[in-house]
Amino acid sequence: MQRRTFLETGVGASVALTLLSAPASGTTRTRALESASAAEDGSRLRSRSQSTDAYEPLGRLEIEGAAEAVVGDDGETVYLATVDGFAIADVSDPAEPTLLAERRGLLGGSDDGIQGGDGSENEDGDEDEAYGPLTDILDVKVDGDRLIVPGPANSTRGNEFHGFVLYDVSDPSDPVPAAEPYETDFHIHNCFFADDLCYLVGNGAEGNPLVIVDVSDDEPIEVGRWSLLEHDDRWADVNSILWYLHDVYVHDGVAYLPYWNAGTYLVDVSDPGDPEYISHVADDDVDVESQRGIESFAVTEAQQTLPGNDHYSAVDETGELLGVGRESWAAQPGETEGAGGIDLWDISDRSAPEYLSTVEAPESFDASYRGGMWTTAHNFELRDGRLYSSWYHGGVKIHDVSDPANPEELTWWRDPADAAFWTARVAEPGETFVASSTPAIPNSPAVGALYVFPIESGTQADPPSLTDPEESGRSVELDVEGPETDTETGTEIESEAEAEAENDSEANSSVTDASGAEAIPGFTGLTGVTGGALALEWLRRSRVSGSSGSSRSSRSSQFEADSASSPDPDSNSDSNSNSN
């Protein structure tokens, strides 16, 4: 598969930059980022080469329903999304992480401030404003002493509250509401929070926009929006799930927006009220014309498999090195290839990104979405010349990216029988990083937990195989063949567990999108990417336990004119409106 950089400025002609690379697995294929500097001495990894100790976690804390994790400014407090709320943990003692607080059942009628929004009368005689429950919480972000808790992560058909709540976490052991809930007309899969601005992914709203909300006082207010359609309105003719805005990362006035198959967009948000396009990176094999031609029955496969699949993007502290994680799976059960990796880009000139290398995903015995061993890239952090990455069952890794054209793997730890890692974040620079494990992957025995790891090079003792299901510890009965089929009608038979999870969540596990494409549960409720399916699976497990006690081909290095004319940036279209 090919990947290219579009060098389109917001007002200039369309120009494409592509870089030639030989198909070398897991290695760099271009020159190094010349401006990249070596890691600070204090962040250099210690080595266990002179010790007999194997590399392993320092500590672990089980947290039910764990998903995203972020670290506070003190490097000791970790905030986690937990599907039905959030949790706060103390990792000041890496060997003994402890739970400080949990808040679950948000806006569900409990009695702590805004969570009691059931329309009943408070003790002071005032009436609570009634809110539906806030569910499917897969992300949280912290900015100083405030925490944003958004949701639902996926489209719903019930009365769930859509928006976010803010908490004062100046005392992490006692988080309290900081403002009234902020309601939106779209689900919020992910967000970013910095400098009193909340950046929300607004899928379901017209144009799948980035939505910017000012929360500097007690009454949050929207101050700006930006959509891919402002740059190229031809995407309005493409099924919106193929240009879903999956996440957002903001650094130094620039937002990095992974628009799935449309690529990752760099947008100037230094003036939040007037965001402006800078440039974007995308696959050579995935342009708007190719996406226009995808039939409705093929949408799910096009969305789940490479090329494309820009899922998470972030930059290092210099703002000159960009990582783009591509979450993807194999098209068919039993296929071993298809998991997406992390592409590294030189963006020292933001108007002209240059591809550097790809950190490839670990191989597994089954790379498919349904019943497979997930080893695709998920969330990560770039800091001090290091890439801290999570790969679900594929574990966590540290790479030296001080020469980002030649990433060097320093550490790899995995335990696919118990852990499926959602993210990896630095806690104490040069000393520890944390990683959250999610329990919600289909057909996975993984447990929700927060792990603390040392920042050092090393080798895991007897690492479990990812290519042999028995050696991996995944010798459980997997749904590798897909759902059971009625031999007379040829229709799929929903399992009892799936039906129960569907009923419990008031959501459908198979829905039809605007184009008529039927798809398995996923990040919008339309397709099979992490999100809705994971929440359903976690809910099913919780209920059951309660009742029982990408490899690439060529790249080019020359400039070439984009075949399409520069679109009118003011154009927009109502046809993009997501049906749910």
Protein backbone atom coordinates (compact mmCIF):
# COMPACT_ATOMS: atom_id res chain seq x y z
CA MET A 1 0.00 0.00 0.00
CA GLN A 2 1.15 3.51 -0.74
CA ARG A 3 1.05 6.58 1.39
CA ARG A 4 1.55 10.13 0.25
CA THR A 5 1.61 13.63 1.59
CA PHE A 6 -0.73 16.23 0.14
CA LEU A 7 0.89 19.66 0.20
CA GLU A 8 -2.26 21.64 -0.35
CA THR A 9 -2.33 24.95 1.44
CA GLY A 10 -5.67 26.45 2.24
CA VAL A 11 -5.41 28.93 -0.63
CA GLY A 12 -2.89 27.36 -2.99
CA ALA A 13 -2.99 24.78 -5.74
CA SER A 14 -3.10 21.10 -4.91
CA VAL A 15 0.32 19.45 -4.91
CA ALA A 16 1.19 15.93 -3.79
CA LEU A 17 4.49 14.87 -2.27
CA THR A 18 5.22 11.16 -2.16
CA LEU A 19 8.28 9.34 -0.95
CA LEU A 20 9.82 6.26 -2.50
CA SER A 21 10.51 3.32 -0.24
CA ALA A 22 11.56 -0.26 -0.66
CA PRO A 23 9.30 -2.88 0.96
CA ALA A 24 11.35 -3.61 4.05
CA SER A 25 9.31 -4.92 6.95
CA GLY A 26 9.34 -2.77 10.06
CA THR A 27 12.24 -0.62 8.90
CA THR A 28 12.67 2.92 7.65
CA ARG A 29 12.78 3.68 3.97
CA THR A 30 13.70 7.36 3.79
CA ARG A 31 16.16 9.81 5.19
CA ALA A 32 16.05 10.85 8.82
CA LEU A 33 14.31 13.90 10.13
CA GLU A 34 17.28 16.25 10.07
CA SER A 35 15.97 18.52 12.76
CA ALA A 36 15.21 15.72 15.23
CA SER A 37 17.44 15.78 18.30
CA ALA A 38 18.58 12.98 20.54
CA ALA A 39 16.63 12.31 23.71
CA GLU A 40 17.44 14.26 26.85
CA ASP A 41 19.91 12.53 29.14
CA GLY A 42 17.29 12.26 31.84
CA SER A 43 14.96 10.35 29.53
CA ARG A 44 17.48 7.82 28.24
CA LEU A 45 16.37 4.30 28.90
CA ARG A 46 18.19 2.34 31.53
CA SER A 47 19.26 -1.10 30.37
CA ARG A 48 18.83 -4.45 32.04
CA SER A 49 21.63 -5.93 29.94
CA GLN A 50 23.83 -6.22 33.01
CA SER A 51 21.03 -7.71 35.09
CA THR A 52 19.36 -11.09 35.10
CA ASP A 53 15.96 -9.48 35.68
CA ALA A 54 13.53 -9.80 32.80
CA TYR A 55 11.44 -6.85 31.66
CA GLU A 56 8.03 -6.82 33.33
CA PRO A 57 5.42 -4.45 34.79
CA LEU A 58 6.20 -2.80 38.10
CA GLY A 59 2.59 -2.84 39.26
CA ARG A 60 -1.00 -3.48 38.21
CA LEU A 61 -4.42 -2.30 39.39
CA GLU A 62 -7.63 -3.90 38.15
CA ILE A 63 -10.21 -1.33 37.02
CA GLU A 64 -13.52 -2.57 35.68
CA GLY A 65 -14.28 -1.38 32.16
CA ALA A 66 -10.97 0.46 31.66
CA ALA A 67 -10.44 2.21 28.31
CA GLU A 68 -8.45 5.43 27.71
CA ALA A 69 -5.97 6.62 30.36
CA VAL A 70 -4.30 10.02 30.71
CA VAL A 71 -1.76 11.30 33.23
CA GLY A 72 -2.06 14.47 35.29
CA ASP A 73 0.61 17.17 35.45
CA ASP A 74 2.06 15.66 38.63
CA GLY A 75 3.00 12.44 36.83
CA GLU A 76 1.42 10.47 39.66
CA THR A 77 -2.32 10.68 39.01
CA VAL A 78 -3.95 8.70 36.21
CA TYR A 79 -7.49 9.28 34.94
CA LEU A 80 -9.30 6.45 33.14
CA ALA A 81 -12.52 6.14 31.15
CA THR A 82 -14.51 3.12 32.33
CA VAL A 83 -17.45 2.89 29.85
CA ASP A 84 -19.99 3.78 32.56
CA GLY A 85 -17.93 6.55 34.16
CA PHE A 86 -14.33 7.22 35.14
CA ALA A 87 -11.72 6.21 37.69
CA ILE A 88 -8.71 7.98 39.21
CA ALA A 89 -5.58 6.12 40.31
CA ASP A 90 -2.41 7.03 42.20
CA VAL A 91 0.82 5.62 40.72
CA SER A 92 3.27 7.48 42.97
CA ASP A 93 4.35 4.05 44.15
CA PRO A 94 4.71 2.22 40.81
CA ALA A 95 4.69 -1.16 42.52
CA GLU A 96 1.43 -0.43 44.34
CA PRO A 97 -0.94 1.66 42.21
CA THR A 98 -4.06 2.51 44.20
CA LEU A 99 -7.59 3.57 43.36
CA LEU A 100 -8.37 7.10 44.55
CA ALA A 101 -11.92 7.52 43.28
CA GLU A 102 -14.56 6.20 40.91
CA ARG A 103 -17.66 7.83 39.50
CA ARG A 104 -20.06 5.53 37.64
CA GLY A 105 -23.61 5.81 36.39
CA LEU A 106 -23.10 9.44 35.39
CA LEU A 107 -26.28 11.49 35.03
CA GLY A 108 -28.16 8.39 36.03
CA GLY A 109 -29.99 9.74 39.07
CA SER A 110 -27.30 9.43 41.73
CA ASP A 111 -26.93 12.08 44.39
CA ASP A 112 -23.71 13.97 43.78
CA GLY A 113 -24.54 17.23 42.06
CA ILE A 114 -24.97 17.04 38.31
CA GLN A 115 -25.16 13.27 38.45
CA GLY A 116 -28.58 13.61 40.04
CA GLY A 117 -30.24 15.05 36.97
CA ASP A 118 -33.51 13.15 37.30
CA GLY A 119 -35.87 16.09 37.57
CA SER A 120 -36.40 15.52 41.29
CA GLU A 121 -36.24 18.20 43.97
CA ASN A 122 -32.92 18.78 45.73
CA GLU A 123 -32.55 19.36 49.48
CA ASP A 124 -32.43 23.12 48.88
CA GLY A 125 -35.78 23.00 47.11
CA ASP A 126 -34.40 23.57 43.61
CA GLU A 127 -35.36 21.15 40.90
CA ASP A 128 -32.64 19.18 39.15
CA GLU A 129 -32.56 19.52 35.40
CA ALA A 130 -33.39 16.12 33.96
CA TYR A 131 -30.69 14.43 31.88
CA GLY A 132 -30.53 11.03 30.29
CA PRO A 133 -27.64 8.82 31.45
CA LEU A 134 -24.14 9.41 30.07
CA THR A 135 -22.95 6.06 28.73
CA ASP A 136 -20.34 4.49 26.45
CA ILE A 137 -17.50 6.58 27.89
CA LEU A 138 -14.27 5.55 26.16
CA ASP A 139 -12.26 8.76 26.61
CA VAL A 140 -11.35 11.29 29.29
CA LYS A 141 -8.92 14.21 29.21
CA VAL A 142 -7.44 16.36 31.97
CA ASP A 143 -6.31 19.99 31.90
CA GLY A 144 -4.82 21.18 35.16
CA ASP A 145 -7.45 20.63 37.86
CA ARG A 146 -10.33 19.85 35.51
CA LEU A 147 -11.39 16.61 33.87
CA ILE A 148 -13.66 16.29 30.84
CA VAL A 149 -15.80 13.17 30.54
CA PRO A 150 -17.46 12.94 27.08
CA GLY A 151 -19.93 10.55 25.56
CA PRO A 152 -21.47 8.53 24.26
CA ALA A 153 -18.58 7.36 22.11
CA ASN A 154 -20.95 5.92 19.54
CA SER A 155 -24.30 6.64 18.00
CA THR A 156 -27.22 5.49 20.14
CA ARG A 157 -30.95 5.02 19.75
CA GLY A 158 -31.96 5.51 23.36
CA ASN A 159 -32.35 8.58 25.56
CA GLU A 160 -28.67 8.79 26.48
CA PHE A 161 -27.23 12.21 27.20
CA HIS A 162 -24.91 13.45 24.42
CA GLY A 163 -22.21 15.86 25.50
CA PHE A 164 -19.69 16.12 28.30
CA VAL A 165 -19.42 16.81 32.00
CA LEU A 166 -16.59 18.66 33.71
CA TYR A 167 -15.17 17.69 37.09
CA ASP A 168 -12.95 19.59 39.50
CA VAL A 169 -10.14 17.16 40.32
CA SER A 170 -8.02 19.46 42.47
CA ASP A 171 -8.55 16.74 45.07
CA PRO A 172 -8.22 13.58 42.95
CA SER A 173 -9.71 11.48 45.71
CA ASP A 174 -12.91 13.53 45.63
CA PRO A 175 -13.82 14.73 42.13
CA VAL A 176 -16.77 17.12 42.13
CA PRO A 177 -18.83 18.61 39.28
CA ALA A 178 -17.35 21.84 37.96
CA ALA A 179 -20.22 23.00 35.74
CA GLU A 180 -23.57 21.99 34.34
CA PRO A 181 -23.38 19.26 31.69
CA TYR A 182 -22.77 20.55 28.18
CA GLU A 183 -25.16 18.97 25.69
CA THR A 184 -24.42 18.33 22.01
CA ASP A 185 -26.39 17.01 19.06
CA PHE A 186 -23.71 14.44 18.22
CA HIS A 187 -21.91 11.58 19.94
CA ILE A 188 -18.34 12.21 21.12
CA HIS A 189 -15.93 9.40 20.42
CA ASN A 190 -12.83 11.31 21.54
CA CYS A 191 -11.72 14.76 22.60
CA PHE A 192 -8.76 16.93 23.57
CA PHE A 193 -8.64 19.42 26.45
CA ALA A 194 -6.12 22.24 26.88
CA ASP A 195 -6.04 25.92 27.83
CA ASP A 196 -9.76 26.04 28.70
CA LEU A 197 -10.73 24.72 25.27
CA CYS A 198 -12.42 21.38 24.64
CA TYR A 199 -11.88 19.98 21.16
CA LEU A 200 -14.61 17.47 20.30
CA VAL A 201 -14.96 15.09 17.37
CA GLY A 202 -18.46 15.84 16.13
CA ASN A 203 -19.41 12.81 14.05
CA GLY A 204 -23.11 12.73 13.34
CA ALA A 205 -23.21 16.49 12.93
CA GLU A 206 -23.07 17.84 9.39
CA GLY A 207 -19.57 17.40 7.99
CA ASN A 208 -18.17 15.22 10.82
CA PRO A 209 -16.58 18.39 12.20
CA LEU A 210 -14.08 19.30 14.84
CA VAL A 211 -16.07 21.32 17.40
CA ILE A 212 -14.28 23.72 19.75
CA VAL A 213 -15.91 24.68 23.06
CA ASP A 214 -14.66 27.37 25.46
CA VAL A 215 -15.01 26.20 29.08
CA SER A 216 -13.21 29.09 30.74
CA ASP A 217 -16.28 29.89 32.86
CA ASP A 218 -19.25 28.01 34.27
CA GLU A 219 -21.20 28.22 31.02
CA PRO A 220 -19.32 26.45 28.20
CA ILE A 221 -19.89 27.93 24.76
CA GLU A 222 -19.04 26.71 21.27
CA VAL A 223 -16.56 29.03 19.57
CA GLY A 224 -15.60 27.27 16.35
CA ARG A 225 -15.93 24.35 13.93
CA TRP A 226 -13.95 22.90 11.06
CA SER A 227 -14.86 20.12 8.65
CA LEU A 228 -13.00 18.21 5.98
CA LEU A 229 -15.72 19.40 3.60
CA GLU A 230 -14.44 22.96 3.95
CA HIS A 231 -11.29 21.79 2.22
CA ASP A 232 -12.73 19.26 -0.24
CA ASP A 233 -16.49 19.07 -0.52
CA ARG A 234 -16.29 16.03 -2.84
CA TRP A 235 -16.12 13.87 0.29
CA ALA A 236 -19.79 14.67 0.84
CA ASP A 237 -20.53 12.11 -1.88
CA VAL A 238 -18.67 9.38 0.06
CA ASN A 239 -20.21 7.28 2.83
CA SER A 240 -19.46 9.36 5.92
CA ILE A 241 -18.12 6.41 7.90
CA LEU A 242 -15.14 6.33 5.53
CA TRP A 243 -14.15 9.85 6.57
CA TYR A 244 -15.10 9.58 10.22
CA LEU A 245 -13.15 11.98 12.45
CA HIS A 246 -11.88 9.48 14.98
CA ASP A 247 -9.74 11.61 17.30
CA VAL A 248 -8.06 14.97 17.82
CA TYR A 249 -4.71 16.09 19.19
CA VAL A 250 -3.69 19.74 19.60
CA HIS A 251 -0.19 21.16 19.98
CA ASP A 252 1.10 24.70 19.58
CA GLY A 253 -2.04 25.97 17.89
CA VAL A 254 -2.32 23.09 15.42
CA ALA A 255 -4.99 20.39 15.53
CA TYR A 256 -4.18 16.96 14.12
CA LEU A 257 -7.32 15.30 12.79
CA PRO A 258 -7.34 11.63 11.67
CA TYR A 259 -10.21 11.47 9.18
CA TRP A 260 -9.94 7.70 8.65
CA ASN A 261 -9.64 6.93 4.92
CA ALA A 262 -9.43 10.62 4.04
CA GLY A 263 -6.09 10.94 5.86
CA THR A 264 -4.81 13.06 8.74
CA TYR A 265 -5.35 16.82 8.54
CA LEU A 266 -3.27 19.60 10.05
CA VAL A 267 -5.50 22.56 10.91
CA ASP A 268 -4.46 25.91 12.39
CA VAL A 269 -6.62 26.51 15.48
CA SER A 270 -4.59 29.37 16.94
CA ASP A 271 -7.76 31.38 16.38
CA PRO A 272 -10.39 28.90 17.63
CA GLY A 273 -13.15 30.87 15.97
CA ASP A 274 -11.57 30.61 12.54
CA PRO A 275 -9.70 27.30 12.00
CA GLU A 276 -7.70 27.08 8.77
CA TYR A 277 -6.41 24.13 6.76
CA ILE A 278 -2.62 23.69 6.57
CA SER A 279 -1.95 20.32 4.91
CA HIS A 280 -2.73 16.64 5.19
CA VAL A 281 -1.22 13.19 4.72
CA ALA A 282 -3.04 10.26 3.13
CA ASP A 283 -2.63 6.95 1.35
CA ASP A 284 -1.85 7.00 -2.35
CA ASP A 285 -4.41 4.24 -2.82
CA VAL A 286 -7.19 6.12 -1.03
CA ASP A 287 -8.40 9.27 -2.73
CA VAL A 288 -11.85 10.73 -2.83
CA GLU A 289 -12.61 9.32 -6.28
CA SER A 290 -11.75 5.77 -5.24
CA GLN A 291 -13.92 6.12 -2.14
CA ARG A 292 -16.83 7.46 -4.16
CA GLY A 293 -16.89 4.22 -6.11
CA ILE A 294 -17.30 1.91 -3.12
CA GLU A 295 -20.60 0.04 -3.24
CA SER A 296 -22.73 -0.02 -0.10
CA PHE A 297 -22.11 -3.73 0.50
CA ALA A 298 -18.34 -3.09 0.52
CA VAL A 299 -18.29 -0.15 2.95
CA THR A 300 -17.56 -2.21 6.07
CA GLU A 301 -14.55 -3.93 4.52
CA ALA A 302 -13.26 -0.65 3.11
CA GLN A 303 -13.52 0.90 6.55
CA GLN A 304 -11.98 -1.99 8.49
CA THR A 305 -9.06 -2.84 6.23
CA LEU A 306 -6.05 -1.06 4.81
CA PRO A 307 -5.31 1.18 2.99
CA GLY A 308 -6.44 4.22 4.97
CA ASN A 309 -7.64 3.82 8.56
CA ASP A 310 -6.05 6.90 10.14
CA HIS A 311 -7.17 6.35 13.73
CA TYR A 312 -4.95 8.34 16.10
CA SER A 313 -2.36 11.06 15.50
CA ALA A 314 -0.05 12.96 17.82
CA VAL A 315 3.19 14.92 17.73
CA ASP A 316 6.20 15.02 19.99
CA GLU A 317 7.01 17.98 22.22
CA THR A 318 8.89 19.76 19.40
CA GLY A 319 5.89 19.61 17.11
CA GLU A 320 8.19 18.39 14.31
CA LEU A 321 7.55 14.64 14.46
CA LEU A 322 4.05 13.34 13.71
CA GLY A 323 2.84 9.82 14.38
CA VAL A 324 -0.27 8.44 12.66
CA GLY A 325 -1.65 5.17 14.00
CA ARG A 326 -3.73 3.13 11.57
CA GLU A 327 -6.19 0.79 13.24
CA SER A 328 -7.14 -2.03 10.87
CA TRP A 329 -7.88 -5.72 10.61
CA ALA A 330 -7.74 -8.56 8.10
CA ALA A 331 -10.68 -8.92 5.74
CA GLN A 332 -11.29 -12.60 6.54
CA PRO A 333 -10.96 -14.82 9.64
CA GLY A 334 -7.70 -16.74 9.72
CA GLU A 335 -5.71 -14.18 7.73
CA THR A 336 -2.49 -13.20 9.50
CA GLU A 337 -1.85 -9.84 7.82
CA GLY A 338 -3.89 -6.68 7.97
CA ALA A 339 -3.11 -5.06 11.33
CA GLY A 340 -2.13 -1.41 10.94
CA GLY A 341 1.04 0.19 12.26
CA ILE A 342 2.24 3.70 13.14
CA ASP A 343 3.58 5.98 10.40
CA LEU A 344 6.14 8.64 11.31
CA TRP A 345 6.29 11.95 9.45
CA ASP A 346 8.64 14.93 9.39
CA ILE A 347 6.44 18.01 9.81
CA SER A 348 9.18 20.53 10.52
CA ASP A 349 7.55 22.27 7.55
CA ARG A 350 3.87 21.77 8.35
CA SER A 351 2.85 22.72 4.84
CA ALA A 352 4.99 19.92 3.40
CA PRO A 353 5.00 16.76 5.56
CA GLU A 354 7.48 14.06 4.58
CA TYR A 355 7.03 10.37 5.28
CA LEU A 356 9.89 8.82 7.27
CA SER A 357 9.08 5.27 8.36
CA THR A 358 6.50 2.86 9.71
CA VAL A 359 6.52 0.90 12.94
CA GLU A 360 4.77 -2.28 11.86
CA ALA A 361 2.17 -4.10 13.94
CA PRO A 362 3.00 -7.47 15.51
CA GLU A 363 1.77 -10.43 13.49
CA SER A 364 -0.91 -12.68 14.95
CA PHE A 365 -2.48 -16.03 14.09
CA ASP A 366 -5.72 -14.26 13.10
CA ALA A 367 -5.78 -10.55 12.34
CA SER A 368 -9.52 -10.34 11.71
CA TYR A 369 -11.91 -8.16 13.70
CA ARG A 370 -14.31 -10.89 14.70
CA GLY A 371 -12.69 -13.56 16.85
CA GLY A 372 -9.15 -12.58 15.98
CA MET A 373 -6.07 -11.73 18.01
CA TRP A 374 -6.00 -7.94 17.81
CA THR A 375 -2.49 -6.55 17.35
CA THR A 376 -3.29 -3.37 15.44
CA ALA A 377 -1.95 -0.02 16.60
CA HIS A 378 -3.99 1.90 19.14
CA ASN A 379 -3.11 5.01 21.15
CA PHE A 380 0.46 6.15 21.80
CA GLU A 381 2.69 8.98 22.98
CA LEU A 382 5.79 10.56 21.42
CA ARG A 383 8.12 12.11 23.99
CA ASP A 384 11.84 12.72 24.45
CA GLY A 385 12.83 10.75 21.38
CA ARG A 386 10.72 7.74 22.37
CA LEU A 387 7.50 6.22 21.04
CA TYR A 388 5.35 4.58 23.72
CA SER A 389 2.75 2.47 21.94
CA SER A 390 -0.13 0.09 22.61
CA TRP A 391 -1.19 -2.79 20.36
CA TYR A 392 -4.15 -4.43 22.12
CA HIS A 393 -3.21 -8.13 22.52
CA GLY A 394 0.10 -7.26 20.88
CA GLY A 395 1.16 -5.57 24.11
CA VAL A 396 3.08 -2.37 24.71
CA LYS A 397 6.35 -1.24 23.19
CA ILE A 398 8.98 1.45 23.48
CA HIS A 399 10.86 2.54 20.36
CA ASP A 400 13.82 4.88 20.12
CA VAL A 401 12.75 7.41 17.50
CA SER A 402 15.57 9.91 17.99
CA ASP A 403 16.30 8.96 14.37
CA PRO A 404 12.66 8.66 13.27
CA ALA A 405 13.62 7.30 9.88
CA ASN A 406 15.10 4.32 11.70
CA PRO A 407 12.93 3.41 14.71
CA GLU A 408 14.62 0.97 17.06
CA GLU A 409 12.53 -1.31 19.27
CA LEU A 410 13.81 -1.17 22.85
CA THR A 411 11.12 -2.96 24.84
CA TRP A 412 8.14 -5.18 24.11
CA TRP A 413 5.87 -6.76 26.70
CA ARG A 414 2.61 -8.61 26.14
CA ASP A 415 0.22 -10.96 27.90
CA PRO A 416 -2.61 -11.66 25.44
CA ALA A 417 -4.37 -14.03 27.83
CA ASP A 418 -5.00 -11.20 30.31
CA ALA A 419 -4.24 -7.83 28.70
CA ALA A 420 -5.41 -5.89 25.64
CA PHE A 421 -3.73 -2.49 25.78
CA TRP A 422 -5.65 0.65 24.87
CA THR A 423 -2.96 3.27 25.38
CA ALA A 424 0.55 3.95 26.67
CA ARG A 425 1.41 7.24 28.43
CA VAL A 426 4.49 8.56 30.20
CA ALA A 427 3.99 9.00 33.94
CA GLU A 428 7.37 10.03 35.37
CA PRO A 429 9.67 10.97 32.48
CA GLY A 430 12.67 8.69 32.24
CA GLU A 431 11.26 6.40 34.93
CA THR A 432 7.76 5.01 34.33
CA PHE A 433 4.91 4.85 31.85
CA VAL A 434 1.38 3.57 32.29
CA ALA A 435 -0.83 1.51 30.01
CA SER A 436 -4.51 0.65 30.30
CA SER A 437 -5.90 -2.76 29.39
CA THR A 438 -9.49 -3.02 28.18
CA PRO A 439 -11.78 -5.98 28.90
CA ALA A 440 -14.11 -5.27 26.02
CA ILE A 441 -12.55 -6.87 22.94
CA PRO A 442 -14.78 -9.57 21.41
CA ASN A 443 -13.72 -13.14 22.23
CA SER A 444 -10.95 -11.92 24.52
CA PRO A 445 -10.27 -12.91 28.14
CA ALA A 446 -8.50 -9.59 28.81
CA VAL A 447 -9.15 -7.85 32.13
CA GLY A 448 -9.67 -4.12 32.70
CA ALA A 449 -6.57 -2.83 34.45
CA LEU A 450 -3.94 -0.13 34.75
CA TYR A 451 -0.31 -1.26 34.40
CA VAL A 452 2.82 0.63 35.43
CA PHE A 453 6.01 -0.15 33.47
CA PRO A 454 9.63 0.92 33.86
CA ILE A 455 11.08 3.10 31.11
CA GLU A 456 14.08 0.98 30.27
CA SER A 457 15.25 -1.40 27.60
CA GLY A 458 14.84 -5.08 28.28
CA THR A 459 13.42 -8.40 27.22
CA GLN A 460 10.36 -10.18 28.55
CA ALA A 461 11.00 -13.64 29.96
CA ASP A 462 9.28 -16.31 27.87
CA PRO A 463 7.03 -13.91 25.96
CA PRO A 464 3.83 -15.62 24.80
CA SER A 465 3.48 -16.30 21.10
CA LEU A 466 0.99 -14.23 19.11
CA THR A 467 1.05 -16.57 16.13
CA ASP A 468 0.17 -19.79 17.98
CA PRO A 469 -3.23 -19.64 19.73
CA GLU A 470 -2.28 -22.22 22.35
CA GLU A 471 1.08 -20.67 23.22
CA SER A 472 -0.52 -17.23 23.34
CA GLY A 473 -2.84 -18.29 26.12
CA ARG A 474 -5.75 -17.66 23.77
CA SER A 475 -6.67 -21.34 23.42
CA VAL A 476 -10.24 -20.40 24.21
CA GLU A 477 -13.16 -21.11 21.91
CA LEU A 478 -12.98 -18.23 19.45
CA ASP A 479 -15.69 -17.18 17.02
CA VAL A 480 -13.19 -17.38 14.16
CA GLU A 481 -15.77 -18.65 11.68
CA GLY A 482 -18.11 -15.72 12.37
CA PRO A 483 -21.72 -15.93 13.49
CA GLU A 484 -23.80 -19.07 13.27
CA THR A 485 -25.87 -19.30 10.10
CA ASP A 486 -29.34 -20.74 9.58
CA THR A 487 -28.73 -23.44 6.99
CA GLU A 488 -32.24 -23.12 5.58
CA THR A 489 -32.49 -19.36 5.23
CA GLY A 490 -28.81 -18.46 4.98
CA THR A 491 -29.27 -15.69 7.53
CA GLU A 492 -27.01 -15.03 10.50
CA ILE A 493 -28.24 -16.19 13.90
CA GLU A 494 -27.45 -13.77 16.70
CA SER A 495 -25.89 -15.43 19.72
CA GLU A 496 -27.73 -15.29 23.04
CA ALA A 497 -24.94 -13.22 24.54
CA GLU A 498 -25.07 -10.74 21.66
CA ALA A 499 -28.83 -10.46 21.95
CA GLU A 500 -28.61 -9.87 25.69
CA ALA A 501 -25.94 -7.22 25.27
CA GLU A 502 -28.05 -5.55 22.62
CA ASN A 503 -31.10 -5.46 24.85
CA ASP A 504 -29.12 -4.25 27.85
CA SER A 505 -27.63 -1.36 25.91
CA GLU A 506 -30.75 -0.41 23.97
CA ALA A 507 -28.63 -0.51 20.81
CA ASN A 508 -28.56 -2.61 17.69
CA SER A 509 -25.55 -4.83 16.99
CA SER A 510 -26.25 -4.62 13.27
CA VAL A 511 -27.61 -1.48 11.71
CA THR A 512 -27.91 0.03 8.27
CA ASP A 513 -26.13 3.24 7.37
CA ALA A 514 -27.33 5.99 5.09
CA SER A 515 -26.13 4.17 2.00
CA GLY A 516 -27.86 0.94 2.93
CA ALA A 517 -24.71 -0.87 4.07
CA GLU A 518 -25.27 -3.34 6.86
CA ALA A 519 -22.32 -3.60 9.24
CA ILE A 520 -21.28 -5.08 12.54
CA PRO A 521 -21.07 -2.85 15.63
CA GLY A 522 -18.34 -0.29 15.68
CA PHE A 523 -17.15 3.17 16.50
CA THR A 524 -20.29 4.84 15.20
CA GLY A 525 -22.70 2.02 15.60
CA LEU A 526 -22.34 1.59 11.82
CA THR A 527 -19.14 -0.35 11.36
CA GLY A 528 -16.82 -2.70 13.16
CA VAL A 529 -14.20 -0.48 14.67
CA THR A 530 -13.46 -0.12 18.35
CA GLY A 531 -16.21 1.52 20.32
CA GLY A 532 -19.80 0.40 20.37
CA ALA A 533 -18.89 -3.25 19.97
CA LEU A 534 -16.47 -2.99 22.85
CA ALA A 535 -19.00 -1.31 25.09
CA LEU A 536 -21.57 -3.99 24.29
CA GLU A 537 -19.07 -6.73 24.99
CA TRP A 538 -18.09 -5.14 28.30
CA LEU A 539 -21.72 -4.75 29.31
CA ARG A 540 -22.34 -8.39 28.45
CA ARG A 541 -19.39 -9.50 30.57
CA SER A 542 -20.41 -7.31 33.47
CA ARG A 543 -23.91 -8.73 33.43
CA VAL A 544 -22.73 -12.33 33.14
CA SER A 545 -20.17 -11.95 35.93
CA GLY A 546 -22.74 -10.24 38.12
CA SER A 547 -25.25 -13.05 37.73
CA SER A 548 -22.67 -15.74 38.42
CA GLY A 549 -21.03 -14.02 41.35
CA SER A 550 0.21 -3.42 6.85
CA SER A 551 2.88 -3.79 4.75
CA ARG A 552 3.43 -1.15 1.95
CA SER A 553 4.64 -1.12 -1.62
CA SER A 554 6.36 1.73 -3.45
CA ARG A 555 6.57 5.37 -2.48
CA SER A 556 7.88 8.16 -4.63
CA SER A 557 10.01 11.13 -3.65
CA GLN A 558 9.12 13.65 -6.31
CA PHE A 559 6.49 16.36 -6.33
CA GLU A 560 3.53 15.76 -8.59
CA ALA A 561 0.46 17.82 -9.37
CA ASP A 562 -2.77 16.67 -7.81
CA SER A 563 -5.13 15.46 -10.50
CA ALA A 564 -8.07 17.22 -8.87
CA SER A 565 -8.56 20.95 -8.95
CA SER A 566 -8.48 22.79 -5.68
CA PRO A 567 -12.00 22.72 -4.24
CA ASP A 568 -13.87 25.76 -3.10
CA PRO A 569 -13.14 25.96 0.65
CA ASP A 570 -16.52 27.58 1.24
CA SER A 571 -18.43 24.69 -0.30
CA ASN A 572 -20.45 22.37 1.89
CA SER A 573 -23.18 19.78 1.47
CA ASP A 574 -26.14 18.59 3.43
CA SER A 575 -25.75 15.08 2.02
CA ASN A 576 -23.07 14.27 4.58
CA SER A 577 -25.47 14.32 7.50
CA ASN A 578 -25.07 11.06 9.39
CA SER A 579 -28.36 9.22 9.61
CA ASN A 580 -27.77 8.34 13.25
